[in-house]
Amino acid sequence: MTTLIIVIVLIATLGSIFWVLPSPHERKRMRFRQAAISQGMSVQFVKSEIPLVLTDKVASQDYCIGYRLTFHDSKPLPSIRFFRSVKEPVCWQQDSRGSQHIVEEEVLLTLLNTFPQDVRAVMVGGPCITAIWQERGEESDVADIKRQLVLLADQLMVVR
């Protein structure tokens, strides 16, 4: 009887310990976020405001993970949001000052389409540019996102 009680207590204790440990998916997301921070980006919850027409229920959550790059020594960027359509991943919609239209400028569209497929939106404004990423893919995608954010910021500064 004593052995049975000891076994039950051990199982309950080990179960609690294993329940607290992060899952493999959570570990992968932590690696993504650590890689972004080591590259000078910040990772934070941001309000996505992705139009429901362009997304599915999963991606239209109120708050998503944003990989943000801040430019401290440059002019403020124009306030623009780009959203990727779930149905047509190569189709991006631009929302600027309340007006929405499909991105047709070839250079801009090429830049946006080189983001990883699970980047749902890119928000630009002030000194920051943020990619809403669903954190699927590989660790190398973090460097790709940073590179594309820098290129997009450069393009938007030229257009301005």
N, C-alpha and C. Protein backbone atom coordinates (compact mmCIF):
# COMPACT_ATOMS: atom_id res chain seq x y z
N MET A 1 0.82 -1.19 0.00
CA MET A 1 0.00 0.00 0.00
C MET A 1 0.87 1.26 0.00
N THR A 2 1.93 1.24 0.79
CA THR A 2 2.84 2.39 0.85
C THR A 2 3.50 2.61 -0.50
N THR A 3 3.86 1.55 -1.15
CA THR A 3 4.49 1.65 -2.47
C THR A 3 3.53 2.28 -3.47
N LEU A 4 2.28 1.89 -3.42
CA LEU A 4 1.27 2.44 -4.32
C LEU A 4 1.10 3.95 -4.10
N ILE A 5 1.09 4.38 -2.86
CA ILE A 5 0.96 5.81 -2.56
C ILE A 5 2.18 6.57 -3.07
N ILE A 6 3.36 6.01 -2.88
CA ILE A 6 4.58 6.67 -3.36
C ILE A 6 4.57 6.78 -4.88
N VAL A 7 4.14 5.72 -5.57
CA VAL A 7 4.07 5.73 -7.03
C VAL A 7 3.07 6.79 -7.50
N ILE A 8 1.92 6.89 -6.86
CA ILE A 8 0.90 7.87 -7.25
C ILE A 8 1.42 9.29 -7.03
N VAL A 9 2.10 9.54 -5.92
CA VAL A 9 2.66 10.86 -5.65
C VAL A 9 3.74 11.21 -6.68
N LEU A 10 4.60 10.24 -7.02
CA LEU A 10 5.63 10.47 -8.03
C LEU A 10 5.02 10.77 -9.39
N ILE A 11 4.00 10.03 -9.79
CA ILE A 11 3.35 10.25 -11.07
C ILE A 11 2.70 11.63 -11.08
N ALA A 12 2.04 12.02 -10.01
CA ALA A 12 1.41 13.34 -9.94
C ALA A 12 2.45 14.45 -10.01
N THR A 13 3.58 14.26 -9.34
CA THR A 13 4.65 15.27 -9.36
C THR A 13 5.27 15.37 -10.76
N LEU A 14 5.60 14.24 -11.35
CA LEU A 14 6.19 14.24 -12.70
C LEU A 14 5.21 14.80 -13.73
N GLY A 15 3.94 14.48 -13.58
CA GLY A 15 2.93 15.00 -14.50
C GLY A 15 2.87 16.52 -14.44
N SER A 16 2.95 17.07 -13.23
CA SER A 16 2.93 18.53 -13.08
C SER A 16 4.17 19.17 -13.71
N ILE A 17 5.31 18.54 -13.54
CA ILE A 17 6.56 19.07 -14.11
C ILE A 17 6.50 19.04 -15.63
N PHE A 18 6.06 17.93 -16.21
CA PHE A 18 5.99 17.83 -17.66
C PHE A 18 4.93 18.74 -18.25
N TRP A 19 3.87 19.04 -17.51
CA TRP A 19 2.82 19.92 -17.99
C TRP A 19 3.34 21.35 -18.13
N VAL A 20 4.28 21.75 -17.29
CA VAL A 20 4.82 23.10 -17.31
C VAL A 20 5.88 23.28 -18.41
N LEU A 21 6.55 22.22 -18.81
CA LEU A 21 7.60 22.33 -19.83
C LEU A 21 7.03 22.78 -21.17
N PRO A 22 7.78 23.59 -21.92
CA PRO A 22 7.27 24.04 -23.22
C PRO A 22 7.22 22.90 -24.24
N SER A 23 6.25 23.00 -25.12
CA SER A 23 6.10 22.00 -26.18
C SER A 23 7.15 22.27 -27.26
N PRO A 24 7.36 21.32 -28.17
CA PRO A 24 8.31 21.56 -29.27
C PRO A 24 7.94 22.79 -30.11
N HIS A 25 6.65 23.02 -30.32
CA HIS A 25 6.22 24.20 -31.09
C HIS A 25 6.56 25.49 -30.33
N GLU A 26 6.36 25.49 -29.03
CA GLU A 26 6.70 26.67 -28.23
C GLU A 26 8.21 26.91 -28.23
N ARG A 27 8.99 25.85 -28.19
CA ARG A 27 10.45 26.00 -28.25
C ARG A 27 10.88 26.61 -29.58
N LYS A 28 10.24 26.17 -30.66
CA LYS A 28 10.56 26.70 -31.98
C LYS A 28 10.25 28.19 -32.06
N ARG A 29 9.08 28.58 -31.54
CA ARG A 29 8.72 30.00 -31.52
C ARG A 29 9.71 30.81 -30.68
N MET A 30 10.18 30.26 -29.57
CA MET A 30 11.17 30.95 -28.74
C MET A 30 12.48 31.13 -29.50
N ARG A 31 12.88 30.12 -30.28
CA ARG A 31 14.10 30.25 -31.09
C ARG A 31 13.95 31.36 -32.14
N PHE A 32 12.76 31.42 -32.78
CA PHE A 32 12.50 32.49 -33.74
C PHE A 32 12.65 33.85 -33.08
N ARG A 33 12.03 34.00 -31.93
CA ARG A 33 12.03 35.30 -31.24
C ARG A 33 13.42 35.67 -30.74
N GLN A 34 14.17 34.69 -30.25
CA GLN A 34 15.54 34.97 -29.82
C GLN A 34 16.42 35.37 -31.01
N ALA A 35 16.21 34.72 -32.14
CA ALA A 35 16.98 35.07 -33.34
C ALA A 35 16.65 36.50 -33.79
N ALA A 36 15.39 36.87 -33.71
CA ALA A 36 14.99 38.23 -34.10
C ALA A 36 15.60 39.26 -33.16
N ILE A 37 15.58 38.99 -31.88
CA ILE A 37 16.14 39.93 -30.91
C ILE A 37 17.64 40.05 -31.10
N SER A 38 18.31 38.95 -31.40
CA SER A 38 19.76 39.01 -31.61
C SER A 38 20.13 39.78 -32.88
N GLN A 39 19.16 39.91 -33.81
CA GLN A 39 19.39 40.67 -35.05
C GLN A 39 18.92 42.12 -34.94
N GLY A 40 18.53 42.54 -33.74
CA GLY A 40 18.15 43.93 -33.54
C GLY A 40 16.68 44.23 -33.74
N MET A 41 15.86 43.21 -33.84
CA MET A 41 14.42 43.42 -34.00
C MET A 41 13.75 43.27 -32.64
N SER A 42 12.54 43.77 -32.53
CA SER A 42 11.77 43.51 -31.32
C SER A 42 10.57 42.65 -31.71
N VAL A 43 10.15 41.83 -30.78
CA VAL A 43 9.02 40.93 -31.02
C VAL A 43 7.97 41.28 -29.98
N GLN A 44 6.76 41.58 -30.45
CA GLN A 44 5.72 41.99 -29.51
C GLN A 44 4.35 41.70 -30.08
N PHE A 45 3.38 41.71 -29.19
CA PHE A 45 1.99 41.58 -29.63
C PHE A 45 1.58 42.90 -30.26
N VAL A 46 0.96 42.83 -31.42
CA VAL A 46 0.45 44.02 -32.09
C VAL A 46 -0.99 43.76 -32.52
N LYS A 47 -1.75 44.81 -32.60
CA LYS A 47 -3.12 44.69 -33.09
C LYS A 47 -3.06 44.59 -34.61
N SER A 48 -3.57 43.51 -35.14
CA SER A 48 -3.39 43.23 -36.56
C SER A 48 -4.33 44.04 -37.44
N GLU A 49 -5.59 44.11 -37.09
CA GLU A 49 -6.59 44.81 -37.88
C GLU A 49 -6.60 44.36 -39.34
N ILE A 50 -6.37 43.08 -39.56
CA ILE A 50 -6.41 42.54 -40.93
C ILE A 50 -7.88 42.43 -41.35
N PRO A 51 -8.24 42.98 -42.50
CA PRO A 51 -9.64 42.89 -42.95
C PRO A 51 -10.07 41.43 -43.07
N LEU A 52 -11.27 41.13 -42.59
CA LEU A 52 -11.77 39.76 -42.60
C LEU A 52 -11.88 39.19 -44.01
N VAL A 53 -12.06 40.03 -45.01
CA VAL A 53 -12.17 39.59 -46.39
C VAL A 53 -10.87 38.93 -46.85
N LEU A 54 -9.75 39.39 -46.31
CA LEU A 54 -8.44 38.92 -46.77
C LEU A 54 -7.88 37.76 -45.97
N THR A 55 -8.54 37.32 -44.96
CA THR A 55 -7.92 36.36 -44.07
C THR A 55 -8.89 35.28 -43.63
N ASP A 56 -8.40 34.37 -42.81
CA ASP A 56 -9.25 33.35 -42.22
C ASP A 56 -9.39 33.67 -40.73
N LYS A 57 -10.14 32.87 -40.02
CA LYS A 57 -10.40 33.16 -38.61
C LYS A 57 -9.14 33.12 -37.77
N VAL A 58 -8.20 32.24 -38.08
CA VAL A 58 -6.98 32.10 -37.29
C VAL A 58 -6.12 33.36 -37.39
N ALA A 59 -5.95 33.87 -38.59
CA ALA A 59 -5.07 35.01 -38.80
C ALA A 59 -5.72 36.34 -38.45
N SER A 60 -7.02 36.36 -38.25
CA SER A 60 -7.68 37.63 -37.98
C SER A 60 -7.84 37.89 -36.48
N GLN A 61 -7.05 37.22 -35.67
CA GLN A 61 -7.11 37.45 -34.24
C GLN A 61 -6.83 38.91 -33.94
N ASP A 62 -7.34 39.38 -32.83
CA ASP A 62 -7.14 40.78 -32.47
C ASP A 62 -5.67 41.12 -32.32
N TYR A 63 -4.92 40.25 -31.67
CA TYR A 63 -3.50 40.52 -31.48
C TYR A 63 -2.68 39.38 -32.07
N CYS A 64 -1.65 39.75 -32.80
CA CYS A 64 -0.76 38.79 -33.43
C CYS A 64 0.67 39.12 -33.03
N ILE A 65 1.58 38.25 -33.40
CA ILE A 65 2.99 38.49 -33.11
C ILE A 65 3.57 39.34 -34.23
N GLY A 66 4.17 40.44 -33.85
CA GLY A 66 4.78 41.34 -34.82
C GLY A 66 6.29 41.37 -34.64
N TYR A 67 7.00 41.23 -35.73
CA TYR A 67 8.46 41.35 -35.74
C TYR A 67 8.76 42.76 -36.22
N ARG A 68 9.23 43.61 -35.31
CA ARG A 68 9.35 45.04 -35.57
C ARG A 68 10.80 45.46 -35.70
N LEU A 69 11.03 46.31 -36.69
CA LEU A 69 12.33 46.91 -36.91
C LEU A 69 12.16 48.41 -36.77
N THR A 70 12.98 49.02 -35.92
CA THR A 70 12.87 50.46 -35.67
C THR A 70 14.09 51.16 -36.24
N PHE A 71 13.84 52.24 -36.96
CA PHE A 71 14.90 53.06 -37.54
C PHE A 71 14.97 54.35 -36.73
N HIS A 72 15.94 54.44 -35.84
CA HIS A 72 16.05 55.59 -34.93
C HIS A 72 16.61 56.83 -35.61
N ASP A 73 17.42 56.64 -36.63
CA ASP A 73 18.14 57.77 -37.22
C ASP A 73 17.62 58.18 -38.60
N SER A 74 16.37 57.88 -38.89
CA SER A 74 15.85 58.22 -40.21
C SER A 74 14.58 59.06 -40.08
N LYS A 75 14.14 59.56 -41.20
CA LYS A 75 12.89 60.31 -41.23
C LYS A 75 11.74 59.34 -40.97
N PRO A 76 10.64 59.84 -40.40
CA PRO A 76 9.49 58.96 -40.17
C PRO A 76 8.96 58.38 -41.48
N LEU A 77 8.57 57.13 -41.43
CA LEU A 77 8.01 56.47 -42.60
C LEU A 77 6.53 56.82 -42.72
N PRO A 78 5.99 56.80 -43.93
CA PRO A 78 4.56 57.08 -44.10
C PRO A 78 3.73 55.97 -43.46
N SER A 79 2.54 56.28 -43.02
CA SER A 79 1.67 55.31 -42.37
C SER A 79 0.92 54.51 -43.44
N ILE A 80 1.36 53.28 -43.63
CA ILE A 80 0.77 52.39 -44.64
C ILE A 80 0.68 51.00 -44.05
N ARG A 81 -0.38 50.27 -44.41
CA ARG A 81 -0.49 48.87 -44.02
C ARG A 81 -0.70 48.04 -45.28
N PHE A 82 0.00 46.92 -45.34
CA PHE A 82 -0.14 45.99 -46.45
C PHE A 82 -0.67 44.68 -45.89
N PHE A 83 -1.68 44.11 -46.54
CA PHE A 83 -2.27 42.85 -46.10
C PHE A 83 -2.22 41.84 -47.22
N ARG A 84 -1.83 40.60 -46.87
CA ARG A 84 -1.78 39.52 -47.86
C ARG A 84 -3.10 38.75 -47.84
N SER A 85 -3.61 38.45 -49.00
CA SER A 85 -4.83 37.66 -49.12
C SER A 85 -4.51 36.19 -48.89
N VAL A 86 -5.38 35.51 -48.15
CA VAL A 86 -5.20 34.07 -47.91
C VAL A 86 -5.52 33.29 -49.17
N LYS A 87 -6.55 33.73 -49.88
CA LYS A 87 -6.98 33.02 -51.08
C LYS A 87 -5.99 33.17 -52.23
N GLU A 88 -5.39 34.35 -52.35
CA GLU A 88 -4.39 34.61 -53.39
C GLU A 88 -3.14 35.17 -52.72
N PRO A 89 -2.19 34.29 -52.32
CA PRO A 89 -1.03 34.74 -51.56
C PRO A 89 -0.15 35.76 -52.26
N VAL A 90 -0.25 35.88 -53.58
CA VAL A 90 0.57 36.88 -54.29
C VAL A 90 -0.15 38.22 -54.42
N CYS A 91 -1.36 38.28 -53.88
CA CYS A 91 -2.15 39.51 -53.95
C CYS A 91 -2.06 40.25 -52.61
N TRP A 92 -1.62 41.47 -52.65
CA TRP A 92 -1.50 42.31 -51.46
C TRP A 92 -2.43 43.49 -51.59
N GLN A 93 -3.02 43.88 -50.48
CA GLN A 93 -3.88 45.06 -50.45
C GLN A 93 -3.21 46.12 -49.59
N GLN A 94 -3.28 47.35 -50.04
CA GLN A 94 -2.67 48.46 -49.33
C GLN A 94 -3.76 49.30 -48.68
N ASP A 95 -3.55 49.66 -47.42
CA ASP A 95 -4.47 50.53 -46.71
C ASP A 95 -3.68 51.76 -46.28
N SER A 96 -3.99 52.88 -46.87
CA SER A 96 -3.28 54.11 -46.57
C SER A 96 -4.29 55.22 -46.33
N ARG A 97 -4.30 55.75 -45.12
CA ARG A 97 -5.21 56.85 -44.74
C ARG A 97 -6.67 56.50 -45.02
N GLY A 98 -7.05 55.28 -44.73
CA GLY A 98 -8.44 54.88 -44.86
C GLY A 98 -8.86 54.38 -46.22
N SER A 99 -8.04 54.56 -47.24
CA SER A 99 -8.39 54.05 -48.57
C SER A 99 -7.66 52.75 -48.83
N GLN A 100 -8.40 51.76 -49.32
CA GLN A 100 -7.82 50.46 -49.58
C GLN A 100 -7.82 50.19 -51.08
N HIS A 101 -6.70 49.66 -51.55
CA HIS A 101 -6.62 49.26 -52.95
C HIS A 101 -5.55 48.17 -53.09
N ILE A 102 -5.63 47.45 -54.18
CA ILE A 102 -4.69 46.37 -54.45
C ILE A 102 -3.36 46.97 -54.88
N VAL A 103 -2.27 46.41 -54.36
CA VAL A 103 -0.93 46.88 -54.71
C VAL A 103 -0.64 46.43 -56.14
N GLU A 104 -0.38 47.39 -57.01
CA GLU A 104 -0.10 47.08 -58.41
C GLU A 104 1.30 47.51 -58.83
N GLU A 105 1.95 48.35 -58.03
CA GLU A 105 3.30 48.78 -58.37
C GLU A 105 4.22 47.58 -58.34
N GLU A 106 4.89 47.33 -59.45
CA GLU A 106 5.66 46.10 -59.63
C GLU A 106 6.79 45.93 -58.61
N VAL A 107 7.56 47.00 -58.37
CA VAL A 107 8.69 46.91 -57.44
C VAL A 107 8.19 46.60 -56.04
N LEU A 108 7.15 47.28 -55.61
CA LEU A 108 6.59 47.09 -54.28
C LEU A 108 5.98 45.70 -54.14
N LEU A 109 5.28 45.25 -55.15
CA LEU A 109 4.67 43.93 -55.12
C LEU A 109 5.73 42.84 -55.08
N THR A 110 6.81 43.01 -55.81
CA THR A 110 7.91 42.05 -55.78
C THR A 110 8.53 41.97 -54.39
N LEU A 111 8.74 43.13 -53.77
CA LEU A 111 9.28 43.16 -52.41
C LEU A 111 8.36 42.45 -51.43
N LEU A 112 7.07 42.72 -51.51
CA LEU A 112 6.11 42.11 -50.59
C LEU A 112 6.01 40.60 -50.80
N ASN A 113 6.09 40.15 -52.06
CA ASN A 113 5.96 38.73 -52.34
C ASN A 113 7.21 37.93 -51.97
N THR A 114 8.32 38.60 -51.65
CA THR A 114 9.50 37.86 -51.23
C THR A 114 9.51 37.60 -49.72
N PHE A 115 8.53 38.13 -49.00
CA PHE A 115 8.38 37.75 -47.59
C PHE A 115 7.97 36.29 -47.53
N PRO A 116 8.29 35.57 -46.44
CA PRO A 116 7.79 34.20 -46.29
C PRO A 116 6.27 34.15 -46.41
N GLN A 117 5.74 33.02 -46.87
CA GLN A 117 4.31 32.90 -47.16
C GLN A 117 3.41 33.15 -45.95
N ASP A 118 3.90 32.94 -44.74
CA ASP A 118 3.05 33.13 -43.58
C ASP A 118 3.19 34.50 -42.94
N VAL A 119 3.79 35.45 -43.65
CA VAL A 119 3.73 36.85 -43.23
C VAL A 119 2.40 37.36 -43.75
N ARG A 120 1.49 37.67 -42.83
CA ARG A 120 0.12 38.04 -43.19
C ARG A 120 -0.04 39.52 -43.47
N ALA A 121 0.79 40.36 -42.84
CA ALA A 121 0.64 41.80 -43.02
C ALA A 121 1.97 42.48 -42.73
N VAL A 122 2.11 43.68 -43.27
CA VAL A 122 3.27 44.53 -42.98
C VAL A 122 2.70 45.90 -42.66
N MET A 123 3.06 46.42 -41.50
CA MET A 123 2.56 47.72 -41.07
C MET A 123 3.73 48.68 -40.95
N VAL A 124 3.56 49.83 -41.57
CA VAL A 124 4.61 50.84 -41.60
C VAL A 124 4.06 52.10 -40.95
N GLY A 125 4.90 52.76 -40.20
CA GLY A 125 4.47 54.02 -39.61
C GLY A 125 5.49 54.58 -38.65
N GLY A 126 5.76 55.86 -38.76
CA GLY A 126 6.73 56.50 -37.87
C GLY A 126 8.11 55.93 -38.11
N PRO A 127 8.82 55.60 -37.05
CA PRO A 127 10.16 55.05 -37.22
C PRO A 127 10.17 53.52 -37.32
N CYS A 128 8.99 52.89 -37.35
CA CYS A 128 8.92 51.42 -37.27
C CYS A 128 8.29 50.81 -38.52
N ILE A 129 8.69 49.58 -38.75
CA ILE A 129 8.06 48.76 -39.77
C ILE A 129 7.93 47.36 -39.16
N THR A 130 6.72 46.80 -39.24
CA THR A 130 6.41 45.56 -38.53
C THR A 130 5.84 44.53 -39.48
N ALA A 131 6.32 43.30 -39.36
CA ALA A 131 5.77 42.18 -40.13
C ALA A 131 4.95 41.31 -39.18
N ILE A 132 3.71 41.05 -39.54
CA ILE A 132 2.86 40.14 -38.77
C ILE A 132 3.13 38.74 -39.32
N TRP A 133 3.79 37.94 -38.51
CA TRP A 133 4.25 36.62 -38.95
C TRP A 133 3.58 35.55 -38.11
N GLN A 134 3.12 34.49 -38.74
CA GLN A 134 2.46 33.40 -38.04
C GLN A 134 3.46 32.39 -37.46
N GLU A 135 4.72 32.66 -37.60
CA GLU A 135 5.80 31.87 -37.01
C GLU A 135 5.77 30.40 -37.43
N ARG A 136 5.57 30.20 -38.70
CA ARG A 136 5.72 28.86 -39.27
C ARG A 136 6.94 28.95 -40.17
N GLY A 137 7.60 27.89 -40.37
CA GLY A 137 8.77 27.95 -41.25
C GLY A 137 10.04 27.62 -40.51
N GLU A 138 11.12 28.24 -40.96
CA GLU A 138 12.44 27.94 -40.43
C GLU A 138 13.06 29.16 -39.77
N GLU A 139 14.13 28.94 -39.04
CA GLU A 139 14.82 30.03 -38.37
C GLU A 139 15.43 31.01 -39.36
N SER A 140 15.78 30.53 -40.55
CA SER A 140 16.33 31.42 -41.57
C SER A 140 15.31 32.45 -42.06
N ASP A 141 14.02 32.18 -41.84
CA ASP A 141 12.98 33.13 -42.23
C ASP A 141 13.09 34.44 -41.45
N VAL A 142 13.61 34.39 -40.24
CA VAL A 142 13.76 35.61 -39.44
C VAL A 142 14.71 36.58 -40.14
N ALA A 143 15.83 36.07 -40.63
CA ALA A 143 16.78 36.93 -41.35
C ALA A 143 16.16 37.43 -42.65
N ASP A 144 15.37 36.59 -43.32
CA ASP A 144 14.68 37.01 -44.55
C ASP A 144 13.69 38.14 -44.26
N ILE A 145 12.96 38.01 -43.17
CA ILE A 145 12.00 39.04 -42.80
C ILE A 145 12.71 40.35 -42.52
N LYS A 146 13.81 40.29 -41.78
CA LYS A 146 14.55 41.53 -41.48
C LYS A 146 15.06 42.17 -42.76
N ARG A 147 15.63 41.37 -43.64
CA ARG A 147 16.17 41.90 -44.89
C ARG A 147 15.05 42.55 -45.72
N GLN A 148 13.90 41.91 -45.79
CA GLN A 148 12.79 42.46 -46.57
C GLN A 148 12.23 43.72 -45.92
N LEU A 149 12.20 43.78 -44.60
CA LEU A 149 11.73 44.99 -43.93
C LEU A 149 12.64 46.17 -44.25
N VAL A 150 13.95 45.94 -44.25
CA VAL A 150 14.90 47.00 -44.57
C VAL A 150 14.72 47.45 -46.02
N LEU A 151 14.60 46.49 -46.94
CA LEU A 151 14.41 46.84 -48.35
C LEU A 151 13.10 47.59 -48.57
N LEU A 152 12.04 47.16 -47.89
CA LEU A 152 10.77 47.84 -48.02
C LEU A 152 10.83 49.26 -47.47
N ALA A 153 11.48 49.43 -46.33
CA ALA A 153 11.64 50.78 -45.77
C ALA A 153 12.43 51.67 -46.71
N ASP A 154 13.49 51.13 -47.30
CA ASP A 154 14.27 51.90 -48.27
C ASP A 154 13.40 52.29 -49.47
N GLN A 155 12.61 51.37 -49.97
CA GLN A 155 11.74 51.64 -51.11
C GLN A 155 10.72 52.71 -50.77
N LEU A 156 10.13 52.63 -49.58
CA LEU A 156 9.12 53.62 -49.20
C LEU A 156 9.73 55.01 -49.00
N MET A 157 10.98 55.05 -48.56
CA MET A 157 11.64 56.36 -48.40
C MET A 157 11.96 56.97 -49.77
N VAL A 158 12.25 56.13 -50.75
CA VAL A 158 12.53 56.63 -52.11
C VAL A 158 11.24 57.15 -52.73
N VAL A 159 10.15 56.42 -52.55
CA VAL A 159 8.87 56.79 -53.13
C VAL A 159 8.37 58.11 -52.55
N ARG A 160 8.63 58.32 -51.27
CA ARG A 160 8.18 59.54 -50.59
C ARG A 160 8.78 60.72 -51.15
